[in-house]
Amino acid sequence: MRKSIKIPSLVSALLGAIALPIASGPPEQEKAFTDKYKKAFEAKDTATLESFLYMQGADPAILGFYKMMQSAEAGEKVSNIELVNLTAEDVKKAATPMDSPTGSKVCLTLKPTKKLIIKIEKKDANGSSISTENFIAEKDGKFVIPVPGPCK
């Protein structure tokens, strides 16, 4: 009885280990993405930051909001930036239609595979830190931030 339990578990673990790199970009690609994003963010390079946005099919009002939010804290020092795997809650949240500012429902235009987490330490009287999160998807071999658009 013990062998029958161990073999399926071993096969599942092996298949999971094989499928994991297929489901997301290689570590070098992830590092290149976070390095480029951090450099653009700290340099307040809004053109490069906007190039990370996947705008095809995006709601114009939401696109403007995303551009504004991306550059709002730009120029600050990034204390930590990382791409993390999605949790079950993240997957559910990403698949759920959202209310748009115009009153309609919008959905992410690409299925996310990761989440970008950025922590910023602000040097002010409070010495506060800010953390932002964005869903990340892969399109044509590169990481992008999908901007919501009308649900299909």
C-alpha atoms as a PDB file:
ATOM      1  CA  MET A   1       0.000   0.000   0.000  1.00  0.00           C
ATOM      2  CA  ARG A   2       2.851   2.404   0.762  1.00  0.00           C
ATOM      3  CA  LYS A   3       4.413   2.018  -2.705  1.00  0.00           C
ATOM      4  CA  SER A   4       1.132   2.893  -4.415  1.00  0.00           C
ATOM      5  CA  ILE A   5       0.979   6.183  -2.515  1.00  0.00           C
ATOM      6  CA  LYS A   6       4.636   7.081  -3.030  1.00  0.00           C
ATOM      7  CA  ILE A   7       4.723   6.512  -6.802  1.00  0.00           C
ATOM      8  CA  PRO A   8       1.825   8.883  -7.677  1.00  0.00           C
ATOM      9  CA  SER A   9       3.267  11.477  -5.310  1.00  0.00           C
ATOM     10  CA  LEU A  10       6.674  11.161  -6.925  1.00  0.00           C
ATOM     11  CA  VAL A  11       5.200  11.379 -10.439  1.00  0.00           C
ATOM     12  CA  SER A  12       3.152  14.455  -9.460  1.00  0.00           C
ATOM     13  CA  ALA A  13       6.200  16.166  -7.968  1.00  0.00           C
ATOM     14  CA  LEU A  14       8.266  15.385 -11.048  1.00  0.00           C
ATOM     15  CA  LEU A  15       5.599  16.674 -13.436  1.00  0.00           C
ATOM     16  CA  GLY A  16       5.209  19.794 -11.312  1.00  0.00           C
ATOM     17  CA  ALA A  17       8.947  20.433 -11.413  1.00  0.00           C
ATOM     18  CA  ILE A  18       8.963  20.015 -15.187  1.00  0.00           C
ATOM     19  CA  ALA A  19       5.897  22.199 -15.758  1.00  0.00           C
ATOM     20  CA  LEU A  20       6.952  25.036 -13.460  1.00  0.00           C
ATOM     21  CA  PRO A  21       9.631  26.506 -15.754  1.00  0.00           C
ATOM     22  CA  ILE A  22       7.200  26.253 -18.687  1.00  0.00           C
ATOM     23  CA  ALA A  23       4.550  28.238 -16.804  1.00  0.00           C
ATOM     24  CA  SER A  24       6.817  31.229 -16.229  1.00  0.00           C
ATOM     25  CA  GLY A  25       9.906  32.760 -17.698  1.00  0.00           C
ATOM     26  CA  PRO A  26      13.371  31.582 -16.764  1.00  0.00           C
ATOM     27  CA  PRO A  27      15.049  33.234 -13.752  1.00  0.00           C
ATOM     28  CA  GLU A  28      17.358  35.248 -16.057  1.00  0.00           C
ATOM     29  CA  GLN A  29      14.328  36.701 -17.846  1.00  0.00           C
ATOM     30  CA  GLU A  30      12.701  37.567 -14.509  1.00  0.00           C
ATOM     31  CA  LYS A  31      15.885  39.253 -13.238  1.00  0.00           C
ATOM     32  CA  ALA A  32      16.278  41.213 -16.476  1.00  0.00           C
ATOM     33  CA  PHE A  33      12.664  42.383 -16.193  1.00  0.00           C
ATOM     34  CA  THR A  34      12.943  43.490 -12.549  1.00  0.00           C
ATOM     35  CA  ASP A  35      16.327  45.151 -13.140  1.00  0.00           C
ATOM     36  CA  LYS A  36      14.997  47.104 -16.126  1.00  0.00           C
ATOM     37  CA  TYR A  37      11.826  48.072 -14.267  1.00  0.00           C
ATOM     38  CA  LYS A  38      13.766  49.198 -11.179  1.00  0.00           C
ATOM     39  CA  LYS A  39      16.216  51.242 -13.257  1.00  0.00           C
ATOM     40  CA  ALA A  40      13.384  52.967 -15.152  1.00  0.00           C
ATOM     41  CA  PHE A  41      11.410  53.529 -11.953  1.00  0.00           C
ATOM     42  CA  GLU A  42      14.288  55.091 -10.023  1.00  0.00           C
ATOM     43  CA  ALA A  43      15.266  57.235 -13.041  1.00  0.00           C
ATOM     44  CA  LYS A  44      11.611  58.355 -13.428  1.00  0.00           C
ATOM     45  CA  ASP A  45      11.780  57.125 -17.031  1.00  0.00           C
ATOM     46  CA  THR A  46       8.040  57.229 -17.740  1.00  0.00           C
ATOM     47  CA  ALA A  47       8.455  56.183 -21.379  1.00  0.00           C
ATOM     48  CA  THR A  48      10.136  52.926 -20.354  1.00  0.00           C
ATOM     49  CA  LEU A  49       7.653  52.371 -17.530  1.00  0.00           C
ATOM     50  CA  GLU A  50       4.775  52.784 -19.996  1.00  0.00           C
ATOM     51  CA  SER A  51       6.441  50.307 -22.364  1.00  0.00           C
ATOM     52  CA  PHE A  52       5.773  47.603 -19.752  1.00  0.00           C
ATOM     53  CA  LEU A  53       2.021  48.159 -20.057  1.00  0.00           C
ATOM     54  CA  TYR A  54       0.088  45.807 -22.338  1.00  0.00           C
ATOM     55  CA  MET A  55      -2.403  48.283 -23.792  1.00  0.00           C
ATOM     56  CA  GLN A  56      -4.115  46.231 -26.500  1.00  0.00           C
ATOM     57  CA  GLY A  57      -7.842  46.152 -25.759  1.00  0.00           C
ATOM     58  CA  ALA A  58      -7.408  48.334 -22.669  1.00  0.00           C
ATOM     59  CA  ASP A  59     -10.127  50.657 -21.424  1.00  0.00           C
ATOM     60  CA  PRO A  60      -8.827  54.211 -22.182  1.00  0.00           C
ATOM     61  CA  ALA A  61      -9.868  55.597 -18.769  1.00  0.00           C
ATOM     62  CA  ILE A  62      -8.146  52.748 -16.955  1.00  0.00           C
ATOM     63  CA  LEU A  63      -5.064  53.069 -19.161  1.00  0.00           C
ATOM     64  CA  GLY A  64      -4.719  56.703 -18.088  1.00  0.00           C
ATOM     65  CA  PHE A  65      -5.045  55.633 -14.456  1.00  0.00           C
ATOM     66  CA  TYR A  66      -2.372  52.925 -14.866  1.00  0.00           C
ATOM     67  CA  LYS A  67       0.028  55.420 -16.472  1.00  0.00           C
ATOM     68  CA  MET A  68      -0.569  57.879 -13.634  1.00  0.00           C
ATOM     69  CA  MET A  69      -0.108  55.216 -10.935  1.00  0.00           C
ATOM     70  CA  GLN A  70       3.090  53.936 -12.534  1.00  0.00           C
ATOM     71  CA  SER A  71       4.700  57.330 -12.488  1.00  0.00           C
ATOM     72  CA  ALA A  72       3.226  58.592  -9.177  1.00  0.00           C
ATOM     73  CA  GLU A  73       6.087  57.291  -7.027  1.00  0.00           C
ATOM     74  CA  ALA A  74       8.648  57.075  -9.846  1.00  0.00           C
ATOM     75  CA  GLY A  75      11.961  58.637  -8.967  1.00  0.00           C
ATOM     76  CA  GLU A  76      11.958  57.154  -5.464  1.00  0.00           C
ATOM     77  CA  LYS A  77      14.515  54.591  -4.304  1.00  0.00           C
ATOM     78  CA  VAL A  78      13.289  50.994  -4.622  1.00  0.00           C
ATOM     79  CA  SER A  79      14.209  48.978  -1.535  1.00  0.00           C
ATOM     80  CA  ASN A  80      12.941  45.674  -2.937  1.00  0.00           C
ATOM     81  CA  ILE A  81      11.491  44.466  -6.218  1.00  0.00           C
ATOM     82  CA  GLU A  82      10.509  40.917  -7.030  1.00  0.00           C
ATOM     83  CA  LEU A  83       8.348  38.746  -9.230  1.00  0.00           C
ATOM     84  CA  VAL A  84       6.416  36.214  -7.197  1.00  0.00           C
ATOM     85  CA  ASN A  85       4.191  33.297  -8.092  1.00  0.00           C
ATOM     86  CA  LEU A  86       0.467  33.874  -7.904  1.00  0.00           C
ATOM     87  CA  THR A  87      -1.434  32.509  -4.933  1.00  0.00           C
ATOM     88  CA  ALA A  88      -4.818  30.835  -5.365  1.00  0.00           C
ATOM     89  CA  GLU A  89      -6.374  34.090  -4.132  1.00  0.00           C
ATOM     90  CA  ASP A  90      -4.416  36.091  -6.759  1.00  0.00           C
ATOM     91  CA  VAL A  91      -5.612  33.774  -9.544  1.00  0.00           C
ATOM     92  CA  LYS A  92      -9.218  34.186  -8.390  1.00  0.00           C
ATOM     93  CA  LYS A  93      -8.852  37.977  -8.113  1.00  0.00           C
ATOM     94  CA  ALA A  94      -7.274  38.232 -11.586  1.00  0.00           C
ATOM     95  CA  ALA A  95     -10.124  36.229 -13.155  1.00  0.00           C
ATOM     96  CA  THR A  96     -12.894  38.242 -11.479  1.00  0.00           C
ATOM     97  CA  PRO A  97     -14.459  41.096 -13.510  1.00  0.00           C
ATOM     98  CA  MET A  98     -13.856  44.514 -11.948  1.00  0.00           C
ATOM     99  CA  ASP A  99     -15.943  47.691 -11.941  1.00  0.00           C
ATOM    100  CA  SER A 100     -14.561  50.359 -14.249  1.00  0.00           C
ATOM    101  CA  PRO A 101     -14.762  54.106 -13.581  1.00  0.00           C
ATOM    102  CA  THR A 102     -17.381  54.305 -16.355  1.00  0.00           C
ATOM    103  CA  GLY A 103     -19.666  51.815 -14.582  1.00  0.00           C
ATOM    104  CA  SER A 104     -19.077  48.821 -16.842  1.00  0.00           C
ATOM    105  CA  LYS A 105     -17.233  45.602 -16.022  1.00  0.00           C
ATOM    106  CA  VAL A 106     -13.615  45.136 -17.105  1.00  0.00           C
ATOM    107  CA  CYS A 107     -11.261  42.157 -17.089  1.00  0.00           C
ATOM    108  CA  LEU A 108      -7.513  41.742 -17.453  1.00  0.00           C
ATOM    109  CA  THR A 109      -6.626  41.528 -21.138  1.00  0.00           C
ATOM    110  CA  LEU A 110      -4.025  38.788 -20.549  1.00  0.00           C
ATOM    111  CA  LYS A 111      -3.955  35.981 -17.993  1.00  0.00           C
ATOM    112  CA  PRO A 112      -1.306  36.838 -15.376  1.00  0.00           C
ATOM    113  CA  THR A 113       1.445  34.393 -14.494  1.00  0.00           C
ATOM    114  CA  LYS A 114       3.258  36.398 -11.800  1.00  0.00           C
ATOM    115  CA  LYS A 115       2.888  39.374  -9.529  1.00  0.00           C
ATOM    116  CA  LEU A 116       5.373  42.267  -9.381  1.00  0.00           C
ATOM    117  CA  ILE A 117       5.874  43.581  -5.860  1.00  0.00           C
ATOM    118  CA  ILE A 118       7.750  46.850  -5.391  1.00  0.00           C
ATOM    119  CA  LYS A 119       8.681  48.300  -1.998  1.00  0.00           C
ATOM    120  CA  ILE A 120       9.743  51.917  -1.739  1.00  0.00           C
ATOM    121  CA  GLU A 121      11.268  53.546   1.321  1.00  0.00           C
ATOM    122  CA  LYS A 122      10.314  57.216   1.403  1.00  0.00           C
ATOM    123  CA  LYS A 123      12.577  59.589   3.267  1.00  0.00           C
ATOM    124  CA  ASP A 124      10.157  61.905   4.996  1.00  0.00           C
ATOM    125  CA  ALA A 125       9.143  62.773   8.560  1.00  0.00           C
ATOM    126  CA  ASN A 126       7.314  59.447   8.843  1.00  0.00           C
ATOM    127  CA  GLY A 127      10.055  57.364   7.211  1.00  0.00           C
ATOM    128  CA  SER A 128       7.264  55.371   5.624  1.00  0.00           C
ATOM    129  CA  SER A 129       7.418  52.608   3.083  1.00  0.00           C
ATOM    130  CA  ILE A 130       5.069  52.027   0.185  1.00  0.00           C
ATOM    131  CA  SER A 131       4.338  48.691  -1.427  1.00  0.00           C
ATOM    132  CA  THR A 132       2.723  48.290  -4.833  1.00  0.00           C
ATOM    133  CA  GLU A 133       1.629  45.167  -6.657  1.00  0.00           C
ATOM    134  CA  ASN A 134       0.863  44.546 -10.321  1.00  0.00           C
ATOM    135  CA  PHE A 135      -0.196  41.403 -12.098  1.00  0.00           C
ATOM    136  CA  ILE A 136       2.322  40.352 -14.737  1.00  0.00           C
ATOM    137  CA  ALA A 137       1.585  38.332 -17.866  1.00  0.00           C
ATOM    138  CA  GLU A 138       3.775  37.036 -20.663  1.00  0.00           C
ATOM    139  CA  LYS A 139       3.206  38.179 -24.228  1.00  0.00           C
ATOM    140  CA  ASP A 140       5.495  37.295 -27.133  1.00  0.00           C
ATOM    141  CA  GLY A 141       8.221  36.101 -24.769  1.00  0.00           C
ATOM    142  CA  LYS A 142       8.337  39.169 -22.552  1.00  0.00           C
ATOM    143  CA  PHE A 143       6.748  40.222 -19.281  1.00  0.00           C
ATOM    144  CA  VAL A 144       4.051  42.900 -19.421  1.00  0.00           C
ATOM    145  CA  ILE A 145       1.521  44.526 -17.108  1.00  0.00           C
ATOM    146  CA  PRO A 146      -1.935  43.806 -18.559  1.00  0.00           C
ATOM    147  CA  VAL A 147      -4.269  46.804 -18.417  1.00  0.00           C
ATOM    148  CA  PRO A 148      -7.954  45.869 -17.946  1.00  0.00           C
ATOM    149  CA  GLY A 149     -10.372  46.219 -20.844  1.00  0.00           C
ATOM    150  CA  PRO A 150     -13.958  45.242 -21.611  1.00  0.00           C
ATOM    151  CA  CYS A 151     -14.760  41.672 -20.571  1.00  0.00           C
ATOM    152  CA  LYS A 152     -15.178  39.196 -23.398  1.00  0.00           C
END
